PDB file of all heavy atoms in Angstrom:
ATOM      1  N   ALA A   1     108.854  99.996  69.661  1.00  0.00           N
ATOM      2  CA  ALA A   1     109.848 100.985  69.262  1.00  0.00           C
ATOM      3  C   ALA A   1     110.464 101.667  70.475  1.00  0.00           C
ATOM      4  O   ALA A   1     111.617 102.096  70.439  1.00  0.00           O
ATOM      5  CB  ALA A   1     109.202 102.022  68.351  1.00  0.00           C
ATOM      6  N   ASP A   2     109.695 101.795  71.563  1.00  0.00           N
ATOM      7  CA  ASP A   2     110.163 102.475  72.752  1.00  0.00           C
ATOM      8  C   ASP A   2     110.953 101.569  73.698  1.00  0.00           C
ATOM      9  O   ASP A   2     111.532 102.043  74.673  1.00  0.00           O
ATOM     10  CB  ASP A   2     108.975 103.065  73.528  1.00  0.00           C
ATOM     11  CG  ASP A   2     108.282 104.189  72.752  1.00  0.00           C
ATOM     12  OD1 ASP A   2     108.927 104.727  71.829  1.00  0.00           O
ATOM     13  OD2 ASP A   2     107.128 104.496  73.060  1.00  0.00           O
ATOM     14  N   THR A   3     110.965 100.277  73.450  1.00  0.00           N
ATOM     15  CA  THR A   3     111.660  99.351  74.331  1.00  0.00           C
ATOM     16  C   THR A   3     113.166  99.473  74.150  1.00  0.00           C
ATOM     17  O   THR A   3     113.671  99.345  73.035  1.00  0.00           O
ATOM     18  CB  THR A   3     111.227  97.901  74.034  1.00  0.00           C
ATOM     19  OG1 THR A   3     109.818  97.793  74.220  1.00  0.00           O
ATOM     20  CG2 THR A   3     111.945  96.934  74.967  1.00  0.00           C
ATOM     21  N   PRO A   4     113.909  99.737  75.227  1.00  0.00           N
ATOM     22  CA  PRO A   4     115.367  99.875  75.080  1.00  0.00           C
ATOM     23  C   PRO A   4     116.043  98.542  74.800  1.00  0.00           C
ATOM     24  O   PRO A   4     115.451  97.473  74.983  1.00  0.00           O
ATOM     25  CB  PRO A   4     115.794 100.427  76.446  1.00  0.00           C
ATOM     26  CG  PRO A   4     114.739  99.933  77.391  1.00  0.00           C
ATOM     27  CD  PRO A   4     113.459  99.927  76.612  1.00  0.00           C
ATOM     28  N   ALA A   5     117.281  98.609  74.366  1.00  0.00           N
ATOM     29  CA  ALA A   5     118.050  97.397  74.101  1.00  0.00           C
ATOM     30  C   ALA A   5     118.384  96.698  75.407  1.00  0.00           C
ATOM     31  O   ALA A   5     118.645  97.336  76.430  1.00  0.00           O
ATOM     32  CB  ALA A   5     119.337  97.754  73.359  1.00  0.00           C
ATOM     33  N   ARG A   6     118.373  95.383  75.377  1.00  0.00           N
ATOM     34  CA  ARG A   6     118.758  94.604  76.553  1.00  0.00           C
ATOM     35  C   ARG A   6     120.163  95.000  77.002  1.00  0.00           C
ATOM     36  O   ARG A   6     121.076  95.121  76.191  1.00  0.00           O
ATOM     37  CB  ARG A   6     118.738  93.106  76.247  1.00  0.00           C
ATOM     38  CG  ARG A   6     117.354  92.491  76.260  1.00  0.00           C
ATOM     39  CD  ARG A   6     116.914  92.133  77.662  1.00  0.00           C
ATOM     40  NE  ARG A   6     115.553  91.598  77.690  1.00  0.00           N
ATOM     41  CZ  ARG A   6     114.930  91.238  78.797  1.00  0.00           C
ATOM     42  NH1 ARG A   6     115.545  91.363  79.967  1.00  0.00           N
ATOM     43  NH2 ARG A   6     113.696  90.770  78.760  1.00  0.00           N
ATOM     44  N   GLY A   7     120.305  95.204  78.306  1.00  0.00           N
ATOM     45  CA  GLY A   7     121.591  95.588  78.867  1.00  0.00           C
ATOM     46  C   GLY A   7     121.701  97.067  79.153  1.00  0.00           C
ATOM     47  O   GLY A   7     122.594  97.492  79.882  1.00  0.00           O
ATOM     48  N   SER A   8     120.789  97.856  78.589  1.00  0.00           N
ATOM     49  CA  SER A   8     120.909  99.306  78.721  1.00  0.00           C
ATOM     50  C   SER A   8     120.204  99.870  79.953  1.00  0.00           C
ATOM     51  O   SER A   8     120.245 101.071  80.202  1.00  0.00           O
ATOM     52  CB  SER A   8     120.348  99.995  77.476  1.00  0.00           C
ATOM     53  OG  SER A   8     118.958  99.721  77.335  1.00  0.00           O
ATOM     54  N   ALA A   9     119.575  99.025  80.745  1.00  0.00           N
ATOM     55  CA  ALA A   9     118.867  99.501  81.928  1.00  0.00           C
ATOM     56  C   ALA A   9     119.852 100.031  82.970  1.00  0.00           C
ATOM     57  O   ALA A   9     121.017  99.643  83.007  1.00  0.00           O
ATOM     58  CB  ALA A   9     118.036  98.378  82.529  1.00  0.00           C
ATOM     59  N   HIS A  10     119.348 100.909  83.830  1.00  0.00           N
ATOM     60  CA  HIS A  10     120.196 101.475  84.877  1.00  0.00           C
ATOM     61  C   HIS A  10     119.321 101.931  86.025  1.00  0.00           C
ATOM     62  O   HIS A  10     118.087 102.024  85.897  1.00  0.00           O
ATOM     63  CB  HIS A  10     121.001 102.661  84.326  1.00  0.00           C
ATOM     64  CG  HIS A  10     120.148 103.734  83.720  1.00  0.00           C
ATOM     65  ND1 HIS A  10     119.568 104.750  84.460  1.00  0.00           N
ATOM     66  CD2 HIS A  10     119.741 103.944  82.445  1.00  0.00           C
ATOM     67  CE1 HIS A  10     118.863 105.536  83.664  1.00  0.00           C
ATOM     68  NE2 HIS A  10     118.952 105.072  82.430  1.00  0.00           N
ATOM     69  N   MET A  11     119.925 102.211  87.154  1.00  0.00           N
ATOM     70  CA  MET A  11     119.183 102.655  88.329  1.00  0.00           C
ATOM     71  C   MET A  11     118.312 103.860  87.996  1.00  0.00           C
ATOM     72  O   MET A  11     118.788 104.857  87.463  1.00  0.00           O
ATOM     73  CB  MET A  11     120.143 103.045  89.444  1.00  0.00           C
ATOM     74  CG  MET A  11     120.610 101.894  90.288  1.00  0.00           C
ATOM     75  SD  MET A  11     121.574 102.481  91.694  1.00  0.00           S
ATOM     76  CE  MET A  11     121.729 100.934  92.602  1.00  0.00           C
ATOM     77  N   GLY A  12     117.035 103.744  88.310  1.00  0.00           N
ATOM     78  CA  GLY A  12     116.127 104.864  88.111  1.00  0.00           C
ATOM     79  C   GLY A  12     115.561 104.988  86.727  1.00  0.00           C
ATOM     80  O   GLY A  12     114.911 105.985  86.419  1.00  0.00           O
ATOM     81  N   ILE A  13     115.737 103.993  85.887  1.00  0.00           N
ATOM     82  CA  ILE A  13     115.289 104.104  84.500  1.00  0.00           C
ATOM     83  C   ILE A  13     113.781 104.317  84.403  1.00  0.00           C
ATOM     84  O   ILE A  13     113.296 104.921  83.452  1.00  0.00           O
ATOM     85  CB  ILE A  13     115.724 102.861  83.683  1.00  0.00           C
ATOM     86  CG1 ILE A  13     115.479 103.079  82.180  1.00  0.00           C
ATOM     87  CG2 ILE A  13     115.054 101.594  84.187  1.00  0.00           C
ATOM     88  CD1 ILE A  13     116.085 102.015  81.288  1.00  0.00           C
ATOM     89  N   GLY A  14     113.031 103.853  85.406  1.00  0.00           N
ATOM     90  CA  GLY A  14     111.588 104.011  85.339  1.00  0.00           C
ATOM     91  C   GLY A  14     111.004 105.030  86.300  1.00  0.00           C
ATOM     92  O   GLY A  14     109.785 105.213  86.341  1.00  0.00           O
ATOM     93  N   VAL A  15     111.840 105.715  87.060  1.00  0.00           N
ATOM     94  CA  VAL A  15     111.339 106.577  88.129  1.00  0.00           C
ATOM     95  C   VAL A  15     110.506 107.745  87.600  1.00  0.00           C
ATOM     96  O   VAL A  15     109.383 107.987  88.054  1.00  0.00           O
ATOM     97  CB  VAL A  15     112.489 107.094  89.012  1.00  0.00           C
ATOM     98  CG1 VAL A  15     111.978 108.133  90.006  1.00  0.00           C
ATOM     99  CG2 VAL A  15     113.148 105.945  89.759  1.00  0.00           C
ATOM    100  N   VAL A  16     111.039 108.497  86.653  1.00  0.00           N
ATOM    101  CA  VAL A  16     110.328 109.675  86.160  1.00  0.00           C
ATOM    102  C   VAL A  16     109.008 109.278  85.500  1.00  0.00           C
ATOM    103  O   VAL A  16     107.961 109.896  85.738  1.00  0.00           O
ATOM    104  CB  VAL A  16     111.205 110.478  85.182  1.00  0.00           C
ATOM    105  CG1 VAL A  16     110.401 111.602  84.544  1.00  0.00           C
ATOM    106  CG2 VAL A  16     112.419 111.040  85.905  1.00  0.00           C
ATOM    107  N   ALA A  17     109.028 108.221  84.698  1.00  0.00           N
ATOM    108  CA  ALA A  17     107.817 107.796  83.995  1.00  0.00           C
ATOM    109  C   ALA A  17     106.729 107.330  84.953  1.00  0.00           C
ATOM    110  O   ALA A  17     105.539 107.567  84.720  1.00  0.00           O
ATOM    111  CB  ALA A  17     108.160 106.687  83.005  1.00  0.00           C
ATOM    112  N   HIS A  18     107.110 106.689  86.040  1.00  0.00           N
ATOM    113  CA  HIS A  18     106.121 106.100  86.945  1.00  0.00           C
ATOM    114  C   HIS A  18     105.830 106.950  88.176  1.00  0.00           C
ATOM    115  O   HIS A  18     104.698 106.974  88.660  1.00  0.00           O
ATOM    116  CB  HIS A  18     106.591 104.710  87.386  1.00  0.00           C
ATOM    117  CG  HIS A  18     106.598 103.699  86.298  1.00  0.00           C
ATOM    118  ND1 HIS A  18     105.503 102.923  85.981  1.00  0.00           N
ATOM    119  CD2 HIS A  18     107.575 103.329  85.429  1.00  0.00           C
ATOM    120  CE1 HIS A  18     105.801 102.129  84.969  1.00  0.00           C
ATOM    121  NE2 HIS A  18     107.046 102.352  84.606  1.00  0.00           N
ATOM    122  N   ASP A  19     106.845 107.623  88.704  1.00  0.00           N
ATOM    123  CA  ASP A  19     106.670 108.398  89.936  1.00  0.00           C
ATOM    124  C   ASP A  19     106.758 109.907  89.740  1.00  0.00           C
ATOM    125  O   ASP A  19     106.476 110.672  90.658  1.00  0.00           O
ATOM    126  CB  ASP A  19     107.724 107.984  90.972  1.00  0.00           C
ATOM    127  CG  ASP A  19     107.335 106.718  91.713  1.00  0.00           C
ATOM    128  OD1 ASP A  19     106.208 106.226  91.492  1.00  0.00           O
ATOM    129  OD2 ASP A  19     108.151 106.206  92.510  1.00  0.00           O
ATOM    130  N   GLY A  20     107.218 110.319  88.574  1.00  0.00           N
ATOM    131  CA  GLY A  20     107.350 111.743  88.316  1.00  0.00           C
ATOM    132  C   GLY A  20     108.633 112.321  88.896  1.00  0.00           C
ATOM    133  O   GLY A  20     109.465 111.609  89.457  1.00  0.00           O
ATOM    134  N   GLN A  21     108.790 113.614  88.767  1.00  0.00           N
ATOM    135  CA  GLN A  21     109.990 114.304  89.241  1.00  0.00           C
ATOM    136  C   GLN A  21     109.586 115.643  89.820  1.00  0.00           C
ATOM    137  O   GLN A  21     109.004 116.478  89.142  1.00  0.00           O
ATOM    138  CB  GLN A  21     110.987 114.496  88.092  1.00  0.00           C
ATOM    139  CG  GLN A  21     112.313 115.091  88.549  1.00  0.00           C
ATOM    140  CD  GLN A  21     113.408 114.891  87.505  1.00  0.00           C
ATOM    141  OE1 GLN A  21     113.160 114.408  86.411  1.00  0.00           O
ATOM    142  NE2 GLN A  21     114.623 115.244  87.860  1.00  0.00           N
ATOM    143  N   GLY A  22     109.882 115.838  91.119  1.00  0.00           N
ATOM    144  CA  GLY A  22     109.528 117.071  91.800  1.00  0.00           C
ATOM    145  C   GLY A  22     110.743 117.926  92.068  1.00  0.00           C
ATOM    146  O   GLY A  22     111.688 117.959  91.281  1.00  0.00           O
ATOM    147  N   GLY A  23     110.742 118.601  93.212  1.00  0.00           N
ATOM    148  CA  GLY A  23     111.860 119.465  93.564  1.00  0.00           C
ATOM    149  C   GLY A  23     113.044 118.705  94.098  1.00  0.00           C
ATOM    150  O   GLY A  23     113.040 117.473  94.194  1.00  0.00           O
ATOM    151  N   LEU A  24     114.085 119.441  94.458  1.00  0.00           N
ATOM    152  CA  LEU A  24     115.287 118.854  95.023  1.00  0.00           C
ATOM    153  C   LEU A  24     115.286 119.014  96.535  1.00  0.00           C
ATOM    154  O   LEU A  24     114.710 119.965  97.070  1.00  0.00           O
ATOM    155  CB  LEU A  24     116.532 119.530  94.434  1.00  0.00           C
ATOM    156  CG  LEU A  24     116.775 119.318  92.944  1.00  0.00           C
ATOM    157  CD1 LEU A  24     117.949 120.164  92.478  1.00  0.00           C
ATOM    158  CD2 LEU A  24     117.031 117.847  92.644  1.00  0.00           C
ATOM    159  N   PRO A  25     115.922 118.093  97.254  1.00  0.00           N
ATOM    160  CA  PRO A  25     115.988 118.226  98.714  1.00  0.00           C
ATOM    161  C   PRO A  25     116.871 119.393  99.124  1.00  0.00           C
ATOM    162  O   PRO A  25     117.717 119.854  98.355  1.00  0.00           O
ATOM    163  CB  PRO A  25     116.593 116.885  99.152  1.00  0.00           C
ATOM    164  CG  PRO A  25     117.379 116.427  97.971  1.00  0.00           C
ATOM    165  CD  PRO A  25     116.603 116.896  96.765  1.00  0.00           C
ATOM    166  N   ALA A  26     116.678 119.867 100.351  1.00  0.00           N
ATOM    167  CA  ALA A  26     117.553 120.915 100.887  1.00  0.00           C
ATOM    168  C   ALA A  26     118.976 120.396 100.965  1.00  0.00           C
ATOM    169  O   ALA A  26     119.208 119.197 101.149  1.00  0.00           O
ATOM    170  CB  ALA A  26     117.057 121.333 102.265  1.00  0.00           C
ATOM    171  N   ASP A  27     119.944 121.266 100.805  1.00  0.00           N
ATOM    172  CA  ASP A  27     121.348 120.862 100.822  1.00  0.00           C
ATOM    173  C   ASP A  27     121.793 120.588 102.250  1.00  0.00           C
ATOM    174  O   ASP A  27     121.978 121.485 103.046  1.00  0.00           O
ATOM    175  CB  ASP A  27     122.213 121.969 100.210  1.00  0.00           C
ATOM    176  CG  ASP A  27     123.642 121.500  99.969  1.00  0.00           C
ATOM    177  OD1 ASP A  27     123.947 120.331 100.297  1.00  0.00           O
ATOM    178  OD2 ASP A  27     124.445 122.288  99.450  1.00  0.00           O
ATOM    179  N   THR A  28     121.917 119.309 102.579  1.00  0.00           N
ATOM    180  CA  THR A  28     122.282 118.903 103.937  1.00  0.00           C
ATOM    181  C   THR A  28     123.530 118.027 103.915  1.00  0.00           C
ATOM    182  O   THR A  28     123.621 117.020 104.592  1.00  0.00           O
ATOM    183  CB  THR A  28     121.135 118.138 104.601  1.00  0.00           C
ATOM    184  OG1 THR A  28     120.757 117.040 103.743  1.00  0.00           O
ATOM    185  CG2 THR A  28     119.926 119.015 104.820  1.00  0.00           C
ATOM    186  N   ARG A  29     124.507 118.419 103.127  1.00  0.00           N
ATOM    187  CA  ARG A  29     125.689 117.573 102.962  1.00  0.00           C
ATOM    188  C   ARG A  29     126.521 117.434 104.233  1.00  0.00           C
ATOM    189  O   ARG A  29     127.351 116.545 104.336  1.00  0.00           O
ATOM    190  CB  ARG A  29     126.561 118.119 101.828  1.00  0.00           C
ATOM    191  CG  ARG A  29     125.893 118.000 100.465  1.00  0.00           C
ATOM    192  CD  ARG A  29     126.810 118.437  99.344  1.00  0.00           C
ATOM    193  NE  ARG A  29     126.084 118.440  98.075  1.00  0.00           N
ATOM    194  CZ  ARG A  29     126.660 118.709  96.917  1.00  0.00           C
ATOM    195  NH1 ARG A  29     127.936 119.020  96.852  1.00  0.00           N
ATOM    196  NH2 ARG A  29     125.957 118.683  95.806  1.00  0.00           N
ATOM    197  N   ALA A  30     126.328 118.317 105.198  1.00  0.00           N
ATOM    198  CA  ALA A  30     127.097 118.212 106.438  1.00  0.00           C
ATOM    199  C   ALA A  30     126.787 116.910 107.169  1.00  0.00           C
ATOM    200  O   ALA A  30     127.631 116.341 107.840  1.00  0.00           O
ATOM    201  CB  ALA A  30     126.793 119.398 107.354  1.00  0.00           C
ATOM    202  N   THR A  31     125.536 116.440 107.037  1.00  0.00           N
ATOM    203  CA  THR A  31     125.154 115.199 107.707  1.00  0.00           C
ATOM    204  C   THR A  31     124.723 114.111 106.740  1.00  0.00           C
ATOM    205  O   THR A  31     124.531 112.973 107.147  1.00  0.00           O
ATOM    206  CB  THR A  31     124.001 115.459 108.690  1.00  0.00           C
ATOM    207  OG1 THR A  31     122.907 116.044 107.971  1.00  0.00           O
ATOM    208  CG2 THR A  31     124.432 116.389 109.801  1.00  0.00           C
ATOM    209  N   GLN A  32     124.528 114.453 105.463  1.00  0.00           N
ATOM    210  CA  GLN A  32     124.165 113.445 104.481  1.00  0.00           C
ATOM    211  C   GLN A  32     125.187 113.485 103.356  1.00  0.00           C
ATOM    212  O   GLN A  32     125.264 114.454 102.612  1.00  0.00           O
ATOM    213  CB  GLN A  32     122.753 113.693 103.942  1.00  0.00           C
ATOM    214  CG  GLN A  32     121.681 113.465 105.002  1.00  0.00           C
ATOM    215  CD  GLN A  32     120.304 113.293 104.386  1.00  0.00           C
ATOM    216  OE1 GLN A  32     120.039 113.749 103.293  1.00  0.00           O
ATOM    217  NE2 GLN A  32     119.425 112.614 105.107  1.00  0.00           N
ATOM    218  N   THR A  33     125.924 112.426 103.240  1.00  0.00           N
ATOM    219  CA  THR A  33     127.086 112.400 102.351  1.00  0.00           C
ATOM    220  C   THR A  33     126.678 112.149 100.905  1.00  0.00           C
ATOM    221  O   THR A  33     125.961 111.193 100.607  1.00  0.00           O
ATOM    222  CB  THR A  33     128.078 111.321 102.817  1.00  0.00           C
ATOM    223  OG1 THR A  33     128.306 111.478 104.224  1.00  0.00           O
ATOM    224  CG2 THR A  33     129.385 111.440 102.073  1.00  0.00           C
ATOM    225  N   GLU A  34     127.155 113.015 100.012  1.00  0.00           N
ATOM    226  CA  GLU A  34     126.788 112.961  98.598  1.00  0.00           C
ATOM    227  C   GLU A  34     127.436 111.783  97.883  1.00  0.00           C
ATOM    228  O   GLU A  34     128.604 111.451  98.094  1.00  0.00           O
ATOM    229  CB  GLU A  34     127.206 114.261  97.916  1.00  0.00           C
ATOM    230  CG  GLU A  34     126.627 114.468  96.531  1.00  0.00           C
ATOM    231  CD  GLU A  34     125.177 114.916  96.538  1.00  0.00           C
ATOM    232  OE1 GLU A  34     124.603 115.106  97.629  1.00  0.00           O
ATOM    233  OE2 GLU A  34     124.619 115.080  95.438  1.00  0.00           O
ATOM    234  N   GLY A  35     126.633 111.128  97.027  1.00  0.00           N
ATOM    235  CA  GLY A  35     127.131 110.022  96.225  1.00  0.00           C
ATOM    236  C   GLY A  35     126.566 110.073  94.819  1.00  0.00           C
ATOM    237  O   GLY A  35     125.704 110.899  94.505  1.00  0.00           O
ATOM    238  N   VAL A  36     127.042 109.183  93.945  1.00  0.00           N
ATOM    239  CA  VAL A  36     126.519 109.060  92.586  1.00  0.00           C
ATOM    240  C   VAL A  36     126.400 107.588  92.229  1.00  0.00           C
ATOM    241  O   VAL A  36     127.033 106.725  92.847  1.00  0.00           O
ATOM    242  CB  VAL A  36     127.420 109.763  91.540  1.00  0.00           C
ATOM    243  CG1 VAL A  36     127.453 111.266  91.758  1.00  0.00           C
ATOM    244  CG2 VAL A  36     128.832 109.185  91.558  1.00  0.00           C
ATOM    245  N   ASP A  37     125.560 107.305  91.234  1.00  0.00           N
ATOM    246  CA  ASP A  37     125.522 105.958  90.653  1.00  0.00           C
ATOM    247  C   ASP A  37     125.659 106.093  89.148  1.00  0.00           C
ATOM    248  O   ASP A  37     125.113 107.017  88.549  1.00  0.00           O
ATOM    249  CB  ASP A  37     124.240 105.222  91.032  1.00  0.00           C
ATOM    250  CG  ASP A  37     122.967 105.963  90.624  1.00  0.00           C
ATOM    251  OD1 ASP A  37     122.500 106.814  91.407  1.00  0.00           O
ATOM    252  OD2 ASP A  37     122.451 105.700  89.519  1.00  0.00           O
ATOM    253  N   VAL A  38     126.418 105.184  88.550  1.00  0.00           N
ATOM    254  CA  VAL A  38     126.743 105.297  87.132  1.00  0.00           C
ATOM    255  C   VAL A  38     126.557 103.961  86.419  1.00  0.00           C
ATOM    256  O   VAL A  38     126.567 102.893  87.044  1.00  0.00           O
ATOM    257  CB  VAL A  38     128.199 105.795  86.927  1.00  0.00           C
ATOM    258  CG1 VAL A  38     128.374 107.195  87.495  1.00  0.00           C
ATOM    259  CG2 VAL A  38     129.207 104.842  87.549  1.00  0.00           C
ATOM    260  N   ALA A  39     126.406 104.047  85.098  1.00  0.00           N
ATOM    261  CA  ALA A  39     126.266 102.871  84.248  1.00  0.00           C
ATOM    262  C   ALA A  39     126.955 103.162  82.925  1.00  0.00           C
ATOM    263  O   ALA A  39     127.515 104.237  82.715  1.00  0.00           O
ATOM    264  CB  ALA A  39     124.795 102.530  84.038  1.00  0.00           C
ATOM    265  N   SER A  40     126.889 102.213  81.996  1.00  0.00           N
ATOM    266  CA  SER A  40     127.672 102.331  80.767  1.00  0.00           C
ATOM    267  C   SER A  40     127.277 103.527  79.910  1.00  0.00           C
ATOM    268  O   SER A  40     128.112 104.082  79.191  1.00  0.00           O
ATOM    269  CB  SER A  40     127.551 101.047  79.940  1.00  0.00           C
ATOM    270  OG  SER A  40     126.196 100.835  79.557  1.00  0.00           O
ATOM    271  N   TYR A  41     126.003 103.962  79.979  1.00  0.00           N
ATOM    272  CA  TYR A  41     125.582 105.064  79.115  1.00  0.00           C
ATOM    273  C   TYR A  41     126.282 106.369  79.473  1.00  0.00           C
ATOM    274  O   TYR A  41     126.289 107.309  78.680  1.00  0.00           O
ATOM    275  CB  TYR A  41     124.063 105.229  79.150  1.00  0.00           C
ATOM    276  CG  TYR A  41     123.505 105.908  80.372  1.00  0.00           C
ATOM    277  CD1 TYR A  41     123.172 107.258  80.354  1.00  0.00           C
ATOM    278  CD2 TYR A  41     123.297 105.197  81.550  1.00  0.00           C
ATOM    279  CE1 TYR A  41     122.637 107.886  81.477  1.00  0.00           C
ATOM    280  CE2 TYR A  41     122.770 105.811  82.677  1.00  0.00           C
ATOM    281  CZ  TYR A  41     122.444 107.145  82.634  1.00  0.00           C
ATOM    282  OH  TYR A  41     121.923 107.759  83.752  1.00  0.00           O
ATOM    283  N   GLN A  42     126.913 106.436  80.660  1.00  0.00           N
ATOM    284  CA  GLN A  42     127.640 107.631  81.057  1.00  0.00           C
ATOM    285  C   GLN A  42     129.115 107.592  80.663  1.00  0.00           C
ATOM    286  O   GLN A  42     129.828 108.576  80.836  1.00  0.00           O
ATOM    287  CB  GLN A  42     127.491 107.829  82.571  1.00  0.00           C
ATOM    288  CG  GLN A  42     126.070 108.260  82.935  1.00  0.00           C
ATOM    289  CD  GLN A  42     125.629 107.798  84.315  1.00  0.00           C
ATOM    290  OE1 GLN A  42     126.047 106.743  84.794  1.00  0.00           O
ATOM    291  NE2 GLN A  42     124.781 108.579  84.951  1.00  0.00           N
TER     292      GLN A  42
END
């Protein structure tokens, strides 16, 4: 029942379940350029 439909996977789909989720990094956008990754569910 918990298995998603084929094709619905995306970057990071297993990260929280397997590695957990902690804090956020310090805001260092002056030297580290911000990006995003997207898939169909968005």
